[in-house]
């Protein structure tokens, strides 16, 4: 059983506190968060047993950084050194810039991770059971970490029934862009198109399943996603250009009333779910 320190007591950090308690991995879970209201809610909800300062975090066996990606870099560069047996793992949605900015004194202790899970909600009250189990956990650039920390982290995520995927941080950022970052950008754009064209009463009365499904993630934290888009700017721009090419195709098919080509185009898109 480990003493965990969770930095960031929202959806990801709070839900992780729940799952490590469920599997009896923690002897103590402490929290660190700049938001006083989040501190209070996390204690009231029993997500953590106490709130600590930086020195209190350094007493932990495992420190989990469940905060926005820019904040991860700032935190690591202000944290200082830790015991050689303290494992630090981040849950950021981008990886390469974080990996490239790990302070020298923390490189051996650090594991770059990204749990491919989440909801559009945020804050301690968003923490839920079952967020991590049977989901993908991507671990990046493990060759940079000491064997002790690699084995410890792999064992923890296997215990909570996550499926482990290993890759380079650069590859992760490209793949995550198409699987997560581009869909979020599209969802934000769709929500703004509708908000600019429809009054709230029409949205409430006419919005059907398709719109609700596509716009759901537009409720995600703007601050968190602005950081992700900034850190993964190059890949995001590339994916947007490719999306625009596809959107131009459907636009031209509609203009030309080329419905035979449209059916083939949509049929090709249908094959995605043969994979999923």
C-alpha atoms as a PDB file:
ATOM      1  CA  UNK A   1       0.000   0.000   0.000  1.00  0.00           C
ATOM      2  CA  UNK A   2       1.295   3.407  -1.000  1.00  0.00           C
ATOM      3  CA  UNK A   3       0.940   6.952   0.219  1.00  0.00           C
ATOM      4  CA  UNK A   4      -0.444   8.875  -2.763  1.00  0.00           C
ATOM      5  CA  UNK A   5      -0.294  12.612  -3.310  1.00  0.00           C
ATOM      6  CA  UNK A   6      -2.745  13.888  -5.906  1.00  0.00           C
ATOM      7  CA  UNK A   7      -2.112  17.295  -7.449  1.00  0.00           C
ATOM      8  CA  UNK A   8      -5.372  18.561  -8.929  1.00  0.00           C
ATOM      9  CA  UNK A   9      -8.561  17.417  -7.217  1.00  0.00           C
ATOM     10  CA  UNK A  10     -10.979  17.496 -10.144  1.00  0.00           C
ATOM     11  CA  UNK A  11     -12.480  14.787 -12.330  1.00  0.00           C
ATOM     12  CA  UNK A  12      -9.251  12.939 -13.101  1.00  0.00           C
ATOM     13  CA  UNK A  13      -7.545  13.304  -9.732  1.00  0.00           C
ATOM     14  CA  UNK A  14     -10.698  12.670  -7.729  1.00  0.00           C
ATOM     15  CA  UNK A  15     -11.698   9.620  -9.757  1.00  0.00           C
ATOM     16  CA  UNK A  16      -8.186   8.218  -9.422  1.00  0.00           C
ATOM     17  CA  UNK A  17      -8.408   8.620  -5.650  1.00  0.00           C
ATOM     18  CA  UNK A  18     -11.581   6.547  -5.762  1.00  0.00           C
ATOM     19  CA  UNK A  19     -10.111   3.712  -7.812  1.00  0.00           C
ATOM     20  CA  UNK A  20      -6.895   3.307  -5.804  1.00  0.00           C
ATOM     21  CA  UNK A  21      -8.957   3.110  -2.628  1.00  0.00           C
ATOM     22  CA  UNK A  22     -11.261   0.533  -4.225  1.00  0.00           C
ATOM     23  CA  UNK A  23      -8.305  -1.734  -4.981  1.00  0.00           C
ATOM     24  CA  UNK A  24      -6.653  -1.140  -1.598  1.00  0.00           C
ATOM     25  CA  UNK A  25      -3.548   0.412  -3.123  1.00  0.00           C
ATOM     26  CA  UNK A  26      -3.417   3.373  -0.769  1.00  0.00           C
ATOM     27  CA  UNK A  27      -2.540   3.656   2.886  1.00  0.00           C
ATOM     28  CA  UNK A  28      -3.158   7.408   2.687  1.00  0.00           C
ATOM     29  CA  UNK A  29      -4.292   9.801  -0.062  1.00  0.00           C
ATOM     30  CA  UNK A  30      -3.421  13.470   0.321  1.00  0.00           C
ATOM     31  CA  UNK A  31      -4.313  16.315  -1.987  1.00  0.00           C
ATOM     32  CA  UNK A  32      -2.785  19.490  -3.324  1.00  0.00           C
ATOM     33  CA  UNK A  33      -4.827  22.110  -5.182  1.00  0.00           C
ATOM     34  CA  UNK A  34      -4.594  25.896  -5.480  1.00  0.00           C
ATOM     35  CA  UNK A  35      -8.402  26.171  -5.522  1.00  0.00           C
ATOM     36  CA  UNK A  36      -9.635  26.463  -1.922  1.00  0.00           C
ATOM     37  CA  UNK A  37     -13.147  25.398  -2.853  1.00  0.00           C
ATOM     38  CA  UNK A  38     -11.789  22.272  -4.532  1.00  0.00           C
ATOM     39  CA  UNK A  39      -9.787  21.505  -1.393  1.00  0.00           C
ATOM     40  CA  UNK A  40     -12.939  21.796   0.724  1.00  0.00           C
ATOM     41  CA  UNK A  41     -15.065  19.682  -1.631  1.00  0.00           C
ATOM     42  CA  UNK A  42     -12.417  16.962  -1.948  1.00  0.00           C
ATOM     43  CA  UNK A  43     -12.272  16.619   1.841  1.00  0.00           C
ATOM     44  CA  UNK A  44     -16.084  16.643   2.202  1.00  0.00           C
ATOM     45  CA  UNK A  45     -16.434  13.984  -0.508  1.00  0.00           C
ATOM     46  CA  UNK A  46     -13.740  11.823   1.099  1.00  0.00           C
ATOM     47  CA  UNK A  47     -11.568  11.870  -2.011  1.00  0.00           C
ATOM     48  CA  UNK A  48      -8.503  12.712   0.084  1.00  0.00           C
ATOM     49  CA  UNK A  49      -7.814  12.448   3.802  1.00  0.00           C
ATOM     50  CA  UNK A  50      -6.016  15.757   4.068  1.00  0.00           C
ATOM     51  CA  UNK A  51      -4.683  18.716   2.104  1.00  0.00           C
ATOM     52  CA  UNK A  52      -0.904  19.188   2.115  1.00  0.00           C
ATOM     53  CA  UNK A  53       1.712  21.679   0.955  1.00  0.00           C
ATOM     54  CA  UNK A  54       4.685  20.905  -1.289  1.00  0.00           C
ATOM     55  CA  UNK A  55       6.690  19.436   1.580  1.00  0.00           C
ATOM     56  CA  UNK A  56       3.774  17.147   2.400  1.00  0.00           C
ATOM     57  CA  UNK A  57       3.725  15.926  -1.199  1.00  0.00           C
ATOM     58  CA  UNK A  58       7.396  15.042  -1.029  1.00  0.00           C
ATOM     59  CA  UNK A  59       6.624  12.552   1.742  1.00  0.00           C
ATOM     60  CA  UNK A  60       4.468  10.527  -0.678  1.00  0.00           C
ATOM     61  CA  UNK A  61       5.458   7.323  -2.437  1.00  0.00           C
ATOM     62  CA  UNK A  62       3.593   8.309  -5.590  1.00  0.00           C
ATOM     63  CA  UNK A  63       2.694  11.809  -6.792  1.00  0.00           C
ATOM     64  CA  UNK A  64       0.006  12.078  -9.482  1.00  0.00           C
ATOM     65  CA  UNK A  65      -0.206  15.284 -11.522  1.00  0.00           C
ATOM     66  CA  UNK A  66      -3.832  15.555 -12.643  1.00  0.00           C
ATOM     67  CA  UNK A  67      -3.676  19.196 -13.712  1.00  0.00           C
ATOM     68  CA  UNK A  68      -3.682  21.078 -17.058  1.00  0.00           C
ATOM     69  CA  UNK A  69      -0.660  20.445 -19.267  1.00  0.00           C
ATOM     70  CA  UNK A  70       0.903  23.900 -18.913  1.00  0.00           C
ATOM     71  CA  UNK A  71       0.498  23.659 -15.140  1.00  0.00           C
ATOM     72  CA  UNK A  72       2.326  20.299 -15.159  1.00  0.00           C
ATOM     73  CA  UNK A  73       5.420  21.923 -16.644  1.00  0.00           C
ATOM     74  CA  UNK A  74       5.273  24.843 -14.205  1.00  0.00           C
ATOM     75  CA  UNK A  75       4.762  22.511 -11.250  1.00  0.00           C
ATOM     76  CA  UNK A  76       7.664  20.235 -12.165  1.00  0.00           C
ATOM     77  CA  UNK A  77      10.021  23.157 -12.615  1.00  0.00           C
ATOM     78  CA  UNK A  78       9.160  24.642  -9.220  1.00  0.00           C
ATOM     79  CA  UNK A  79       8.936  21.406  -7.230  1.00  0.00           C
ATOM     80  CA  UNK A  80      12.605  20.725  -6.577  1.00  0.00           C
ATOM     81  CA  UNK A  81      14.132  17.314  -5.934  1.00  0.00           C
ATOM     82  CA  UNK A  82      12.489  14.282  -4.309  1.00  0.00           C
ATOM     83  CA  UNK A  83      13.559  11.019  -2.718  1.00  0.00           C
ATOM     84  CA  UNK A  84      14.875   8.542  -5.295  1.00  0.00           C
ATOM     85  CA  UNK A  85      12.005   6.185  -4.445  1.00  0.00           C
ATOM     86  CA  UNK A  86       9.251   8.765  -5.013  1.00  0.00           C
ATOM     87  CA  UNK A  87       7.447   8.146  -8.292  1.00  0.00           C
ATOM     88  CA  UNK A  88       5.935  11.088 -10.173  1.00  0.00           C
ATOM     89  CA  UNK A  89       3.421  10.476 -12.968  1.00  0.00           C
ATOM     90  CA  UNK A  90       1.474  13.026 -14.977  1.00  0.00           C
ATOM     91  CA  UNK A  91      -1.949  12.535 -16.577  1.00  0.00           C
ATOM     92  CA  UNK A  92      -1.578  15.259 -19.206  1.00  0.00           C
ATOM     93  CA  UNK A  93      -3.321  15.036 -22.578  1.00  0.00           C
ATOM     94  CA  UNK A  94      -0.097  15.969 -24.398  1.00  0.00           C
ATOM     95  CA  UNK A  95       3.252  14.404 -23.769  1.00  0.00           C
ATOM     96  CA  UNK A  96       6.230  15.588 -25.859  1.00  0.00           C
ATOM     97  CA  UNK A  97       6.535  19.138 -24.474  1.00  0.00           C
ATOM     98  CA  UNK A  98       6.117  17.865 -20.918  1.00  0.00           C
ATOM     99  CA  UNK A  99       8.784  15.178 -21.400  1.00  0.00           C
ATOM    100  CA  UNK A 100      11.164  17.724 -22.918  1.00  0.00           C
ATOM    101  CA  UNK A 101      10.742  20.039 -19.927  1.00  0.00           C
ATOM    102  CA  UNK A 102      11.268  17.626 -17.037  1.00  0.00           C
ATOM    103  CA  UNK A 103      13.935  19.063 -14.704  1.00  0.00           C
ATOM    104  CA  UNK A 104      17.140  17.028 -14.606  1.00  0.00           C
ATOM    105  CA  UNK A 105      16.717  16.204 -10.915  1.00  0.00           C
ATOM    106  CA  UNK A 106      13.317  14.573 -11.581  1.00  0.00           C
ATOM    107  CA  UNK A 107      13.998  12.653 -14.805  1.00  0.00           C
ATOM    108  CA  UNK A 108      14.699   9.326 -13.092  1.00  0.00           C
ATOM    109  CA  UNK A 109      11.531   9.584 -10.995  1.00  0.00           C
ATOM    110  CA  UNK A 110       9.170  10.706 -13.737  1.00  0.00           C
ATOM    111  CA  UNK A 111       6.669   8.663 -15.758  1.00  0.00           C
ATOM    112  CA  UNK A 112       4.796  10.293 -18.644  1.00  0.00           C
ATOM    113  CA  UNK A 113       1.252   8.938 -18.739  1.00  0.00           C
ATOM    114  CA  UNK A 114      -2.090   9.674 -20.362  1.00  0.00           C
ATOM    115  CA  UNK A 115      -5.243   7.846 -19.287  1.00  0.00           C
ATOM    116  CA  UNK A 116      -7.526   7.838 -22.332  1.00  0.00           C
ATOM    117  CA  UNK A 117     -10.674   8.507 -20.394  1.00  0.00           C
ATOM    118  CA  UNK A 118     -12.700  11.386 -19.010  1.00  0.00           C
ATOM    119  CA  UNK A 119     -15.988  13.226 -19.212  1.00  0.00           C
ATOM    120  CA  UNK A 120     -16.950  16.768 -20.110  1.00  0.00           C
ATOM    121  CA  UNK A 121     -17.361  17.641 -16.406  1.00  0.00           C
ATOM    122  CA  UNK A 122     -14.728  19.049 -14.071  1.00  0.00           C
ATOM    123  CA  UNK A 123     -14.126  19.756 -10.386  1.00  0.00           C
ATOM    124  CA  UNK A 124     -14.182  17.379  -7.378  1.00  0.00           C
ATOM    125  CA  UNK A 125     -17.933  16.801  -7.687  1.00  0.00           C
ATOM    126  CA  UNK A 126     -17.318  15.347 -11.155  1.00  0.00           C
ATOM    127  CA  UNK A 127     -15.238  12.476  -9.700  1.00  0.00           C
ATOM    128  CA  UNK A 128     -16.881   9.128 -10.419  1.00  0.00           C
ATOM    129  CA  UNK A 129     -16.379   5.416  -9.875  1.00  0.00           C
ATOM    130  CA  UNK A 130     -15.290   3.392 -12.888  1.00  0.00           C
ATOM    131  CA  UNK A 131     -13.571   6.169 -14.831  1.00  0.00           C
ATOM    132  CA  UNK A 132     -10.304   4.243 -15.176  1.00  0.00           C
ATOM    133  CA  UNK A 133     -11.183   0.558 -15.211  1.00  0.00           C
ATOM    134  CA  UNK A 134     -11.003  -1.115 -18.656  1.00  0.00           C
ATOM    135  CA  UNK A 135      -9.705   2.105 -20.233  1.00  0.00           C
ATOM    136  CA  UNK A 136      -6.412   2.691 -22.063  1.00  0.00           C
ATOM    137  CA  UNK A 137      -3.377   4.010 -20.183  1.00  0.00           C
ATOM    138  CA  UNK A 138      -0.642   5.290 -22.484  1.00  0.00           C
ATOM    139  CA  UNK A 139       2.869   5.321 -21.013  1.00  0.00           C
ATOM    140  CA  UNK A 140       5.486   7.244 -22.984  1.00  0.00           C
ATOM    141  CA  UNK A 141       9.278   7.211 -23.234  1.00  0.00           C
ATOM    142  CA  UNK A 142       9.703   4.688 -20.417  1.00  0.00           C
ATOM    143  CA  UNK A 143      13.341   4.223 -21.356  1.00  0.00           C
ATOM    144  CA  UNK A 144      13.951   7.595 -19.659  1.00  0.00           C
ATOM    145  CA  UNK A 145      12.711   6.354 -16.270  1.00  0.00           C
ATOM    146  CA  UNK A 146      14.345   4.121 -13.698  1.00  0.00           C
ATOM    147  CA  UNK A 147      13.283   0.478 -13.699  1.00  0.00           C
ATOM    148  CA  UNK A 148      11.977   0.778 -10.120  1.00  0.00           C
ATOM    149  CA  UNK A 149       9.416   3.440 -11.093  1.00  0.00           C
ATOM    150  CA  UNK A 150       8.427   1.713 -14.349  1.00  0.00           C
ATOM    151  CA  UNK A 151       7.639  -1.558 -12.581  1.00  0.00           C
ATOM    152  CA  UNK A 152       5.742   0.203  -9.791  1.00  0.00           C
ATOM    153  CA  UNK A 153       3.525   2.183 -12.164  1.00  0.00           C
ATOM    154  CA  UNK A 154       2.852  -0.747 -14.479  1.00  0.00           C
ATOM    155  CA  UNK A 155       1.777  -2.866 -11.517  1.00  0.00           C
ATOM    156  CA  UNK A 156      -0.584  -0.148 -10.238  1.00  0.00           C
ATOM    157  CA  UNK A 157      -2.348   0.335 -13.559  1.00  0.00           C
ATOM    158  CA  UNK A 158      -2.595  -3.378 -14.192  1.00  0.00           C
ATOM    159  CA  UNK A 159      -4.147  -3.758 -10.728  1.00  0.00           C
ATOM    160  CA  UNK A 160      -6.870  -1.187 -11.475  1.00  0.00           C
ATOM    161  CA  UNK A 161      -7.593  -3.067 -14.737  1.00  0.00           C
ATOM    162  CA  UNK A 162      -6.312  -0.529 -17.240  1.00  0.00           C
ATOM    163  CA  UNK A 163      -5.021  -1.623 -20.647  1.00  0.00           C
ATOM    164  CA  UNK A 164      -1.441  -0.457 -21.108  1.00  0.00           C
ATOM    165  CA  UNK A 165      -0.091   0.978 -24.355  1.00  0.00           C
ATOM    166  CA  UNK A 166       3.541   2.059 -24.741  1.00  0.00           C
ATOM    167  CA  UNK A 167       4.798   4.617 -27.257  1.00  0.00           C
ATOM    168  CA  UNK A 168       7.045   7.588 -27.878  1.00  0.00           C
ATOM    169  CA  UNK A 169       5.717  10.931 -26.662  1.00  0.00           C
ATOM    170  CA  UNK A 170       5.944  12.401 -30.175  1.00  0.00           C
ATOM    171  CA  UNK A 171       3.834   9.560 -31.584  1.00  0.00           C
ATOM    172  CA  UNK A 172       1.360   9.894 -28.744  1.00  0.00           C
ATOM    173  CA  UNK A 173       0.724  13.563 -29.491  1.00  0.00           C
ATOM    174  CA  UNK A 174      -0.018  12.875 -33.144  1.00  0.00           C
ATOM    175  CA  UNK A 175      -2.356   9.950 -32.413  1.00  0.00           C
ATOM    176  CA  UNK A 176      -4.086  11.726 -29.516  1.00  0.00           C
ATOM    177  CA  UNK A 177      -4.713  14.689 -31.771  1.00  0.00           C
ATOM    178  CA  UNK A 178      -6.867  12.654 -34.169  1.00  0.00           C
ATOM    179  CA  UNK A 179      -8.561  10.563 -31.473  1.00  0.00           C
ATOM    180  CA  UNK A 180      -9.240  13.378 -28.975  1.00  0.00           C
ATOM    181  CA  UNK A 181      -7.970  16.870 -29.731  1.00  0.00           C
ATOM    182  CA  UNK A 182      -9.516  17.289 -33.204  1.00  0.00           C
ATOM    183  CA  UNK A 183     -12.914  15.930 -32.031  1.00  0.00           C
ATOM    184  CA  UNK A 184     -12.910  18.475 -29.201  1.00  0.00           C
ATOM    185  CA  UNK A 185     -12.069  21.306 -31.616  1.00  0.00           C
ATOM    186  CA  UNK A 186     -14.904  20.193 -33.927  1.00  0.00           C
ATOM    187  CA  UNK A 187     -17.325  19.997 -31.001  1.00  0.00           C
ATOM    188  CA  UNK A 188     -16.459  23.519 -29.831  1.00  0.00           C
ATOM    189  CA  UNK A 189     -16.879  24.795 -33.404  1.00  0.00           C
ATOM    190  CA  UNK A 190     -20.242  23.046 -33.872  1.00  0.00           C
ATOM    191  CA  UNK A 191     -21.556  24.440 -30.587  1.00  0.00           C
ATOM    192  CA  UNK A 192     -20.572  27.973 -31.625  1.00  0.00           C
ATOM    193  CA  UNK A 193     -22.173  27.596 -35.077  1.00  0.00           C
ATOM    194  CA  UNK A 194     -25.475  26.588 -33.481  1.00  0.00           C
ATOM    195  CA  UNK A 195     -25.288  29.221 -30.736  1.00  0.00           C
ATOM    196  CA  UNK A 196     -24.739  31.899 -33.393  1.00  0.00           C
ATOM    197  CA  UNK A 197     -27.679  30.735 -35.544  1.00  0.00           C
ATOM    198  CA  UNK A 198     -30.354  29.470 -33.162  1.00  0.00           C
ATOM    199  CA  UNK A 199     -32.086  30.995 -30.190  1.00  0.00           C
ATOM    200  CA  UNK A 200     -32.005  29.033 -26.911  1.00  0.00           C
ATOM    201  CA  UNK A 201     -35.686  28.009 -27.158  1.00  0.00           C
ATOM    202  CA  UNK A 202     -35.132  26.283 -30.502  1.00  0.00           C
ATOM    203  CA  UNK A 203     -32.021  24.560 -29.199  1.00  0.00           C
ATOM    204  CA  UNK A 204     -33.906  23.252 -26.170  1.00  0.00           C
ATOM    205  CA  UNK A 205     -36.938  22.066 -28.130  1.00  0.00           C
ATOM    206  CA  UNK A 206     -35.293  20.679 -31.276  1.00  0.00           C
ATOM    207  CA  UNK A 207     -31.833  19.398 -30.329  1.00  0.00           C
ATOM    208  CA  UNK A 208     -31.810  15.658 -30.996  1.00  0.00           C
ATOM    209  CA  UNK A 209     -29.426  12.824 -30.209  1.00  0.00           C
ATOM    210  CA  UNK A 210     -26.949  13.544 -32.995  1.00  0.00           C
ATOM    211  CA  UNK A 211     -26.395  17.133 -31.937  1.00  0.00           C
ATOM    212  CA  UNK A 212     -26.245  16.235 -28.251  1.00  0.00           C
ATOM    213  CA  UNK A 213     -23.693  13.491 -28.913  1.00  0.00           C
ATOM    214  CA  UNK A 214     -21.468  15.734 -31.039  1.00  0.00           C
ATOM    215  CA  UNK A 215     -21.708  18.793 -28.809  1.00  0.00           C
ATOM    216  CA  UNK A 216     -21.389  17.062 -25.421  1.00  0.00           C
ATOM    217  CA  UNK A 217     -17.628  17.517 -25.146  1.00  0.00           C
ATOM    218  CA  UNK A 218     -17.987  21.231 -25.929  1.00  0.00           C
ATOM    219  CA  UNK A 219     -18.868  21.486 -22.218  1.00  0.00           C
ATOM    220  CA  UNK A 220     -15.262  20.589 -21.359  1.00  0.00           C
ATOM    221  CA  UNK A 221     -12.976  23.026 -19.531  1.00  0.00           C
ATOM    222  CA  UNK A 222     -11.854  25.823 -21.905  1.00  0.00           C
ATOM    223  CA  UNK A 223      -8.703  26.480 -19.878  1.00  0.00           C
ATOM    224  CA  UNK A 224      -7.630  22.849 -19.974  1.00  0.00           C
ATOM    225  CA  UNK A 225      -8.286  22.492 -23.689  1.00  0.00           C
ATOM    226  CA  UNK A 226      -6.637  25.783 -24.611  1.00  0.00           C
ATOM    227  CA  UNK A 227      -3.462  24.450 -22.962  1.00  0.00           C
ATOM    228  CA  UNK A 228      -3.715  21.169 -24.881  1.00  0.00           C
ATOM    229  CA  UNK A 229      -4.307  22.942 -28.192  1.00  0.00           C
ATOM    230  CA  UNK A 230      -1.339  25.214 -27.506  1.00  0.00           C
ATOM    231  CA  UNK A 231       1.019  22.360 -26.641  1.00  0.00           C
ATOM    232  CA  UNK A 232      -0.106  20.244 -29.593  1.00  0.00           C
ATOM    233  CA  UNK A 233      -0.483  23.148 -32.024  1.00  0.00           C
ATOM    234  CA  UNK A 234       1.417  21.617 -34.955  1.00  0.00           C
ATOM    235  CA  UNK A 235      -0.505  18.337 -34.946  1.00  0.00           C
ATOM    236  CA  UNK A 236      -3.826  20.093 -34.379  1.00  0.00           C
ATOM    237  CA  UNK A 237      -3.314  22.435 -37.327  1.00  0.00           C
ATOM    238  CA  UNK A 238      -2.408  19.498 -39.564  1.00  0.00           C
ATOM    239  CA  UNK A 239      -5.542  17.623 -38.504  1.00  0.00           C
ATOM    240  CA  UNK A 240      -7.745  20.706 -39.050  1.00  0.00           C
ATOM    241  CA  UNK A 241      -6.368  21.135 -42.581  1.00  0.00           C
ATOM    242  CA  UNK A 242      -7.175  17.492 -43.341  1.00  0.00           C
ATOM    243  CA  UNK A 243     -10.646  17.885 -41.823  1.00  0.00           C
ATOM    244  CA  UNK A 244     -11.237  20.957 -43.987  1.00  0.00           C
ATOM    245  CA  UNK A 245     -10.347  18.882 -47.068  1.00  0.00           C
ATOM    246  CA  UNK A 246     -13.007  16.327 -46.143  1.00  0.00           C
ATOM    247  CA  UNK A 247     -15.548  19.045 -45.378  1.00  0.00           C
ATOM    248  CA  UNK A 248     -14.799  20.634 -48.765  1.00  0.00           C
ATOM    249  CA  UNK A 249     -15.608  17.281 -50.393  1.00  0.00           C
ATOM    250  CA  UNK A 250     -19.077  17.047 -48.844  1.00  0.00           C
ATOM    251  CA  UNK A 251     -19.677  20.716 -49.640  1.00  0.00           C
ATOM    252  CA  UNK A 252     -18.864  20.132 -53.336  1.00  0.00           C
ATOM    253  CA  UNK A 253     -20.972  16.963 -53.512  1.00  0.00           C
ATOM    254  CA  UNK A 254     -23.959  18.882 -52.123  1.00  0.00           C
ATOM    255  CA  UNK A 255     -23.364  21.795 -54.514  1.00  0.00           C
ATOM    256  CA  UNK A 256     -23.071  19.423 -57.488  1.00  0.00           C
ATOM    257  CA  UNK A 257     -25.954  17.208 -56.297  1.00  0.00           C
ATOM    258  CA  UNK A 258     -23.554  14.287 -56.651  1.00  0.00           C
ATOM    259  CA  UNK A 259     -25.416  11.944 -54.347  1.00  0.00           C
ATOM    260  CA  UNK A 260     -23.879   8.745 -55.707  1.00  0.00           C
ATOM    261  CA  UNK A 261     -20.409   9.970 -54.689  1.00  0.00           C
ATOM    262  CA  UNK A 262     -21.838  11.146 -51.370  1.00  0.00           C
ATOM    263  CA  UNK A 263     -23.197   7.687 -50.584  1.00  0.00           C
ATOM    264  CA  UNK A 264     -19.800   6.104 -51.326  1.00  0.00           C
ATOM    265  CA  UNK A 265     -18.061   8.776 -49.214  1.00  0.00           C
ATOM    266  CA  UNK A 266     -20.352   8.157 -46.250  1.00  0.00           C
ATOM    267  CA  UNK A 267     -20.052   4.398 -46.750  1.00  0.00           C
ATOM    268  CA  UNK A 268     -16.303   4.647 -46.364  1.00  0.00           C
ATOM    269  CA  UNK A 269     -16.848   6.555 -43.095  1.00  0.00           C
ATOM    270  CA  UNK A 270     -19.167   3.751 -41.904  1.00  0.00           C
ATOM    271  CA  UNK A 271     -16.224   1.312 -41.965  1.00  0.00           C
ATOM    272  CA  UNK A 272     -14.664   3.120 -39.006  1.00  0.00           C
ATOM    273  CA  UNK A 273     -17.063   1.281 -36.720  1.00  0.00           C
ATOM    274  CA  UNK A 274     -15.925  -2.068 -38.086  1.00  0.00           C
ATOM    275  CA  UNK A 275     -12.684  -1.207 -36.231  1.00  0.00           C
ATOM    276  CA  UNK A 276     -14.300   0.311 -33.147  1.00  0.00           C
END
